[in-house]
All heavy atoms as atom14 arrays in JSON, in Angstrom:
{
  "sequence": "SFTFTVILSSIISLIVGASVVFVLMSGIRRKLE",
  "atom14_mask": [
    [1, 1, 1, 1, 1, 1, 0, 0, 0, 0, 0, 0, 0, 0],
    [1, 1, 1, 1, 1, 1, 1, 1, 1, 1, 1, 0, 0, 0],
    [1, 1, 1, 1, 1, 1, 1, 0, 0, 0, 0, 0, 0, 0],
    [1, 1, 1, 1, 1, 1, 1, 1, 1, 1, 1, 0, 0, 0],
    [1, 1, 1, 1, 1, 1, 1, 0, 0, 0, 0, 0, 0, 0],
    [1, 1, 1, 1, 1, 1, 1, 0, 0, 0, 0, 0, 0, 0],
    [1, 1, 1, 1, 1, 1, 1, 1, 0, 0, 0, 0, 0, 0],
    [1, 1, 1, 1, 1, 1, 1, 1, 0, 0, 0, 0, 0, 0],
    [1, 1, 1, 1, 1, 1, 0, 0, 0, 0, 0, 0, 0, 0],
    [1, 1, 1, 1, 1, 1, 0, 0, 0, 0, 0, 0, 0, 0],
    [1, 1, 1, 1, 1, 1, 1, 1, 0, 0, 0, 0, 0, 0],
    [1, 1, 1, 1, 1, 1, 1, 1, 0, 0, 0, 0, 0, 0],
    [1, 1, 1, 1, 1, 1, 0, 0, 0, 0, 0, 0, 0, 0],
    [1, 1, 1, 1, 1, 1, 1, 1, 0, 0, 0, 0, 0, 0],
    [1, 1, 1, 1, 1, 1, 1, 1, 0, 0, 0, 0, 0, 0],
    [1, 1, 1, 1, 1, 1, 1, 0, 0, 0, 0, 0, 0, 0],
    [1, 1, 1, 1, 0, 0, 0, 0, 0, 0, 0, 0, 0, 0],
    [1, 1, 1, 1, 1, 0, 0, 0, 0, 0, 0, 0, 0, 0],
    [1, 1, 1, 1, 1, 1, 0, 0, 0, 0, 0, 0, 0, 0],
    [1, 1, 1, 1, 1, 1, 1, 0, 0, 0, 0, 0, 0, 0],
    [1, 1, 1, 1, 1, 1, 1, 0, 0, 0, 0, 0, 0, 0],
    [1, 1, 1, 1, 1, 1, 1, 1, 1, 1, 1, 0, 0, 0],
    [1, 1, 1, 1, 1, 1, 1, 0, 0, 0, 0, 0, 0, 0],
    [1, 1, 1, 1, 1, 1, 1, 1, 0, 0, 0, 0, 0, 0],
    [1, 1, 1, 1, 1, 1, 1, 1, 0, 0, 0, 0, 0, 0],
    [1, 1, 1, 1, 1, 1, 0, 0, 0, 0, 0, 0, 0, 0],
    [1, 1, 1, 1, 0, 0, 0, 0, 0, 0, 0, 0, 0, 0],
    [1, 1, 1, 1, 1, 1, 1, 1, 0, 0, 0, 0, 0, 0],
    [1, 1, 1, 1, 1, 1, 1, 1, 1, 1, 1, 0, 0, 0],
    [1, 1, 1, 1, 1, 1, 1, 1, 1, 1, 1, 0, 0, 0],
    [1, 1, 1, 1, 1, 1, 1, 1, 1, 0, 0, 0, 0, 0],
    [1, 1, 1, 1, 1, 1, 1, 1, 0, 0, 0, 0, 0, 0],
    [1, 1, 1, 1, 1, 1, 1, 1, 1, 0, 0, 0, 0, 0]
  ],
  "atom14_positions": [
    [[-12.24, 9.03, -3.96], [-10.95, 9.69, -3.88], [-10.12, 9.08, -2.79], [-8.89, 8.89, -2.95], [-11.16, 11.18, -3.61], [-9.9, 11.85, -3.44], [0.0, 0.0, 0.0], [0.0, 0.0, 0.0], [0.0, 0.0, 0.0], [0.0, 0.0, 0.0], [0.0, 0.0, 0.0], [0.0, 0.0, 0.0], [0.0, 0.0, 0.0], [0.0, 0.0, 0.0]],
    [[-10.67, 8.78, -1.63], [-9.99, 8.26, -0.52], [-9.55, 6.83, -0.88], [-8.45, 6.4, -0.59], [-10.86, 8.15, 0.68], [-10.22, 7.55, 1.84], [-9.34, 8.3, 2.63], [-10.56, 6.27, 2.31], [-8.72, 7.74, 3.78], [-9.95, 5.74, 3.39], [-9.04, 6.39, 4.14], [0.0, 0.0, 0.0], [0.0, 0.0, 0.0], [0.0, 0.0, 0.0]],
    [[-10.42, 6.02, -1.5], [-10.07, 4.69, -1.9], [-8.93, 4.66, -2.91], [-8.01, 3.84, -2.77], [-11.29, 4.0, -2.56], [-12.41, 4.02, -1.63], [-11.02, 2.56, -2.99], [0.0, 0.0, 0.0], [0.0, 0.0, 0.0], [0.0, 0.0, 0.0], [0.0, 0.0, 0.0], [0.0, 0.0, 0.0], [0.0, 0.0, 0.0], [0.0, 0.0, 0.0]],
    [[-8.96, 5.62, -3.86], [-7.83, 5.7, -4.86], [-6.58, 6.04, -4.11], [-5.5, 5.46, -4.43], [-8.17, 6.79, -5.83], [-7.04, 7.07, -6.79], [-6.8, 6.25, -7.84], [-6.23, 8.21, -6.66], [-5.69, 6.45, -8.7], [-5.19, 8.47, -7.44], [-4.91, 7.6, -8.52], [0.0, 0.0, 0.0], [0.0, 0.0, 0.0], [0.0, 0.0, 0.0]],
    [[-6.65, 6.95, -3.13], [-5.47, 7.32, -2.39], [-4.84, 6.15, -1.62], [-3.59, 5.94, -1.65], [-5.77, 8.49, -1.4], [-6.26, 9.62, -2.16], [-4.53, 8.89, -0.64], [0.0, 0.0, 0.0], [0.0, 0.0, 0.0], [0.0, 0.0, 0.0], [0.0, 0.0, 0.0], [0.0, 0.0, 0.0], [0.0, 0.0, 0.0], [0.0, 0.0, 0.0]],
    [[-5.7, 5.38, -1.0], [-5.32, 4.21, -0.28], [-4.68, 3.16, -1.22], [-3.58, 2.6, -0.89], [-6.46, 3.56, 0.45], [-6.07, 2.22, 1.08], [-7.02, 4.45, 1.54], [0.0, 0.0, 0.0], [0.0, 0.0, 0.0], [0.0, 0.0, 0.0], [0.0, 0.0, 0.0], [0.0, 0.0, 0.0], [0.0, 0.0, 0.0], [0.0, 0.0, 0.0]],
    [[-5.28, 2.96, -2.4], [-4.74, 2.0, -3.32], [-3.38, 2.43, -3.85], [-2.41, 1.67, -3.96], [-5.65, 1.8, -4.49], [-6.97, 1.05, -4.02], [-5.05, 0.96, -5.6], [-8.07, 0.89, -5.07], [0.0, 0.0, 0.0], [0.0, 0.0, 0.0], [0.0, 0.0, 0.0], [0.0, 0.0, 0.0], [0.0, 0.0, 0.0], [0.0, 0.0, 0.0]],
    [[-3.27, 3.74, -4.19], [-2.05, 4.37, -4.7], [-0.92, 4.21, -3.64], [0.19, 3.86, -3.96], [-2.24, 5.82, -5.1], [-1.08, 6.54, -5.71], [-0.62, 5.81, -6.98], [-1.39, 8.01, -6.03], [0.0, 0.0, 0.0], [0.0, 0.0, 0.0], [0.0, 0.0, 0.0], [0.0, 0.0, 0.0], [0.0, 0.0, 0.0], [0.0, 0.0, 0.0]],
    [[-1.27, 4.54, -2.42], [-0.35, 4.5, -1.29], [0.14, 3.02, -1.13], [1.32, 2.77, -0.95], [-0.93, 4.93, -0.02], [-1.28, 6.3, -0.14], [0.0, 0.0, 0.0], [0.0, 0.0, 0.0], [0.0, 0.0, 0.0], [0.0, 0.0, 0.0], [0.0, 0.0, 0.0], [0.0, 0.0, 0.0], [0.0, 0.0, 0.0], [0.0, 0.0, 0.0]],
    [[-0.77, 2.04, -1.27], [-0.43, 0.64, -1.14], [0.57, 0.22, -2.27], [1.55, -0.48, -2.03], [-1.66, -0.25, -1.21], [-2.53, 0.12, -0.09], [0.0, 0.0, 0.0], [0.0, 0.0, 0.0], [0.0, 0.0, 0.0], [0.0, 0.0, 0.0], [0.0, 0.0, 0.0], [0.0, 0.0, 0.0], [0.0, 0.0, 0.0], [0.0, 0.0, 0.0]],
    [[0.28, 0.7, -3.45], [1.12, 0.33, -4.63], [2.51, 0.95, -4.45], [3.51, 0.26, -4.67], [0.5, 0.82, -5.93], [-0.79, 0.05, -6.31], [1.48, 0.73, -7.06], [-1.56, 0.58, -7.47], [0.0, 0.0, 0.0], [0.0, 0.0, 0.0], [0.0, 0.0, 0.0], [0.0, 0.0, 0.0], [0.0, 0.0, 0.0], [0.0, 0.0, 0.0]],
    [[2.52, 2.24, -4.01], [3.8, 2.93, -3.8], [4.67, 2.16, -2.71], [5.82, 1.96, -2.84], [3.59, 4.4, -3.42], [3.07, 5.17, -4.63], [4.89, 5.03, -2.94], [2.66, 6.6, -4.32], [0.0, 0.0, 0.0], [0.0, 0.0, 0.0], [0.0, 0.0, 0.0], [0.0, 0.0, 0.0], [0.0, 0.0, 0.0], [0.0, 0.0, 0.0]],
    [[3.89, 1.86, -1.59], [4.56, 1.13, -0.57], [5.1, -0.2, -1.03], [6.25, -0.61, -0.63], [3.57, 0.96, 0.6], [3.16, 2.08, 1.16], [0.0, 0.0, 0.0], [0.0, 0.0, 0.0], [0.0, 0.0, 0.0], [0.0, 0.0, 0.0], [0.0, 0.0, 0.0], [0.0, 0.0, 0.0], [0.0, 0.0, 0.0], [0.0, 0.0, 0.0]],
    [[4.35, -0.86, -1.86], [4.82, -2.19, -2.4], [6.04, -2.02, -3.22], [6.99, -2.8, -3.1], [3.63, -2.85, -3.26], [3.98, -4.21, -3.84], [4.2, -5.23, -2.68], [2.75, -4.67, -4.69], [0.0, 0.0, 0.0], [0.0, 0.0, 0.0], [0.0, 0.0, 0.0], [0.0, 0.0, 0.0], [0.0, 0.0, 0.0], [0.0, 0.0, 0.0]],
    [[6.04, -0.96, -4.09], [7.16, -0.71, -5.0], [8.35, -0.34, -4.15], [9.46, -0.89, -4.43], [6.82, 0.37, -5.96], [5.76, -0.07, -7.0], [8.09, 0.84, -6.75], [5.25, 0.99, -7.92], [0.0, 0.0, 0.0], [0.0, 0.0, 0.0], [0.0, 0.0, 0.0], [0.0, 0.0, 0.0], [0.0, 0.0, 0.0], [0.0, 0.0, 0.0]],
    [[8.18, 0.53, -3.19], [9.27, 0.97, -2.35], [9.85, -0.26, -1.57], [11.03, -0.47, -1.48], [8.9, 2.05, -1.36], [10.0, 2.3, -0.33], [8.54, 3.32, -2.13], [0.0, 0.0, 0.0], [0.0, 0.0, 0.0], [0.0, 0.0, 0.0], [0.0, 0.0, 0.0], [0.0, 0.0, 0.0], [0.0, 0.0, 0.0], [0.0, 0.0, 0.0]],
    [[8.89, -1.1, -1.01], [9.34, -2.22, -0.25], [10.09, -3.24, -1.15], [11.12, -3.74, -0.74], [0.0, 0.0, 0.0], [0.0, 0.0, 0.0], [0.0, 0.0, 0.0], [0.0, 0.0, 0.0], [0.0, 0.0, 0.0], [0.0, 0.0, 0.0], [0.0, 0.0, 0.0], [0.0, 0.0, 0.0], [0.0, 0.0, 0.0], [0.0, 0.0, 0.0]],
    [[9.62, -3.42, -2.39], [10.33, -4.31, -3.29], [11.65, -3.81, -3.65], [12.65, -4.56, -3.76], [9.5, -4.55, -4.55], [0.0, 0.0, 0.0], [0.0, 0.0, 0.0], [0.0, 0.0, 0.0], [0.0, 0.0, 0.0], [0.0, 0.0, 0.0], [0.0, 0.0, 0.0], [0.0, 0.0, 0.0], [0.0, 0.0, 0.0], [0.0, 0.0, 0.0]],
    [[11.77, -2.46, -3.84], [13.0, -1.82, -4.17], [14.06, -1.99, -2.99], [15.22, -2.31, -3.2], [12.86, -0.34, -4.4], [12.03, -0.14, -5.59], [0.0, 0.0, 0.0], [0.0, 0.0, 0.0], [0.0, 0.0, 0.0], [0.0, 0.0, 0.0], [0.0, 0.0, 0.0], [0.0, 0.0, 0.0], [0.0, 0.0, 0.0], [0.0, 0.0, 0.0]],
    [[13.5, -1.8, -1.79], [14.4, -1.96, -0.59], [14.9, -3.41, -0.52], [16.1, -3.63, -0.24], [13.58, -1.56, 0.66], [14.43, -1.99, 1.91], [13.35, -0.08, 0.67], [0.0, 0.0, 0.0], [0.0, 0.0, 0.0], [0.0, 0.0, 0.0], [0.0, 0.0, 0.0], [0.0, 0.0, 0.0], [0.0, 0.0, 0.0], [0.0, 0.0, 0.0]],
    [[13.97, -4.34, -0.67], [14.39, -5.74, -0.63], [15.4, -6.07, -1.74], [16.38, -6.81, -1.48], [13.13, -6.68, -0.83], [13.6, -8.13, -1.05], [12.23, -6.55, 0.35], [0.0, 0.0, 0.0], [0.0, 0.0, 0.0], [0.0, 0.0, 0.0], [0.0, 0.0, 0.0], [0.0, 0.0, 0.0], [0.0, 0.0, 0.0], [0.0, 0.0, 0.0]],
    [[15.18, -5.49, -2.92], [16.1, -5.69, -4.06], [17.53, -5.15, -3.73], [18.55, -5.87, -3.95], [15.62, -5.07, -5.35], [16.57, -5.17, -6.55], [16.64, -6.34, -7.24], [17.34, -4.12, -6.89], [17.52, -6.41, -8.3], [18.22, -4.14, -7.9], [18.31, -5.35, -8.64], [0.0, 0.0, 0.0], [0.0, 0.0, 0.0], [0.0, 0.0, 0.0]],
    [[17.51, -3.94, -3.12], [18.79, -3.34, -2.74], [19.46, -4.16, -1.67], [20.69, -4.43, -1.75], [18.61, -1.92, -2.25], [19.92, -1.35, -1.66], [18.12, -1.02, -3.41], [0.0, 0.0, 0.0], [0.0, 0.0, 0.0], [0.0, 0.0, 0.0], [0.0, 0.0, 0.0], [0.0, 0.0, 0.0], [0.0, 0.0, 0.0], [0.0, 0.0, 0.0]],
    [[18.74, -4.63, -0.67], [19.29, -5.38, 0.39], [19.82, -6.74, -0.14], [20.93, -7.14, 0.23], [18.17, -5.68, 1.46], [17.8, -4.44, 2.29], [16.67, -4.73, 3.26], [19.02, -3.89, 3.1], [0.0, 0.0, 0.0], [0.0, 0.0, 0.0], [0.0, 0.0, 0.0], [0.0, 0.0, 0.0], [0.0, 0.0, 0.0], [0.0, 0.0, 0.0]],
    [[19.03, -7.4, -1.0], [19.48, -8.65, -1.59], [20.65, -8.5, -2.42], [21.59, -9.34, -2.42], [18.32, -9.29, -2.32], [17.15, -9.76, -1.46], [17.61, -10.88, -0.15], [18.24, -12.3, -1.17], [0.0, 0.0, 0.0], [0.0, 0.0, 0.0], [0.0, 0.0, 0.0], [0.0, 0.0, 0.0], [0.0, 0.0, 0.0], [0.0, 0.0, 0.0]],
    [[20.74, -7.41, -3.2], [21.91, -7.11, -4.01], [23.13, -6.94, -3.17], [24.27, -7.48, -3.46], [21.73, -5.85, -4.87], [20.64, -6.02, -5.77], [0.0, 0.0, 0.0], [0.0, 0.0, 0.0], [0.0, 0.0, 0.0], [0.0, 0.0, 0.0], [0.0, 0.0, 0.0], [0.0, 0.0, 0.0], [0.0, 0.0, 0.0], [0.0, 0.0, 0.0]],
    [[23.01, -6.25, -2.06], [24.08, -6.05, -1.12], [24.61, -7.34, -0.47], [25.74, -7.61, -0.39], [0.0, 0.0, 0.0], [0.0, 0.0, 0.0], [0.0, 0.0, 0.0], [0.0, 0.0, 0.0], [0.0, 0.0, 0.0], [0.0, 0.0, 0.0], [0.0, 0.0, 0.0], [0.0, 0.0, 0.0], [0.0, 0.0, 0.0], [0.0, 0.0, 0.0]],
    [[23.53, -8.2, -0.11], [23.86, -9.43, 0.45], [24.62, -10.35, -0.54], [25.55, -11.03, -0.24], [22.6, -10.13, 1.01], [22.09, -9.36, 2.24], [22.84, -11.57, 1.39], [20.68, -9.83, 2.69], [0.0, 0.0, 0.0], [0.0, 0.0, 0.0], [0.0, 0.0, 0.0], [0.0, 0.0, 0.0], [0.0, 0.0, 0.0], [0.0, 0.0, 0.0]],
    [[24.12, -10.29, -1.77], [24.69, -11.08, -2.9], [26.13, -10.68, -3.11], [26.99, -11.55, -3.27], [23.87, -11.04, -4.14], [24.38, -11.94, -5.21], [23.4, -12.04, -6.39], [22.99, -10.77, -6.9], [21.78, -10.17, -6.7], [20.87, -10.86, -6.02], [21.52, -9.01, -7.22], [0.0, 0.0, 0.0], [0.0, 0.0, 0.0], [0.0, 0.0, 0.0]],
    [[26.33, -9.36, -3.16], [27.7, -8.82, -3.37], [28.6, -9.33, -2.21], [29.78, -9.65, -2.34], [27.68, -7.34, -3.53], [27.2, -6.86, -4.84], [27.5, -5.42, -5.11], [26.94, -4.58, -4.05], [25.71, -4.04, -4.17], [25.0, -4.25, -5.2], [25.22, -3.21, -3.22], [0.0, 0.0, 0.0], [0.0, 0.0, 0.0], [0.0, 0.0, 0.0]],
    [[28.09, -9.19, -1.02], [28.85, -9.61, 0.25], [29.23, -11.11, 0.15], [30.33, -11.53, 0.44], [28.05, -9.31, 1.47], [28.9, -9.44, 2.71], [30.03, -8.47, 2.84], [30.71, -8.57, 4.11], [31.84, -7.62, 4.2], [0.0, 0.0, 0.0], [0.0, 0.0, 0.0], [0.0, 0.0, 0.0], [0.0, 0.0, 0.0], [0.0, 0.0, 0.0]],
    [[28.27, -11.9, -0.28], [28.45, -13.31, -0.37], [29.52, -13.61, -1.43], [30.42, -14.52, -1.26], [27.21, -14.12, -0.67], [26.16, -14.13, 0.45], [24.86, -14.79, -0.01], [26.76, -14.94, 1.7], [0.0, 0.0, 0.0], [0.0, 0.0, 0.0], [0.0, 0.0, 0.0], [0.0, 0.0, 0.0], [0.0, 0.0, 0.0], [0.0, 0.0, 0.0]],
    [[29.46, -12.92, -2.54], [30.4, -13.09, -3.61], [31.84, -12.7, -3.14], [32.83, -13.35, -3.43], [30.07, -12.28, -4.84], [28.74, -12.86, -5.58], [28.33, -11.92, -6.65], [28.89, -10.72, -6.8], [27.44, -12.32, -7.41], [0.0, 0.0, 0.0], [0.0, 0.0, 0.0], [0.0, 0.0, 0.0], [0.0, 0.0, 0.0], [0.0, 0.0, 0.0]]
  ]
}
């Protein structure tokens, strides 16, 4: 159960991190445009 929780938390963190990066990159791209 603990291992599953750690893996799930890691996946969620990865998804959230990727989403943040995507949002930031989209903002930067719009700014550059």
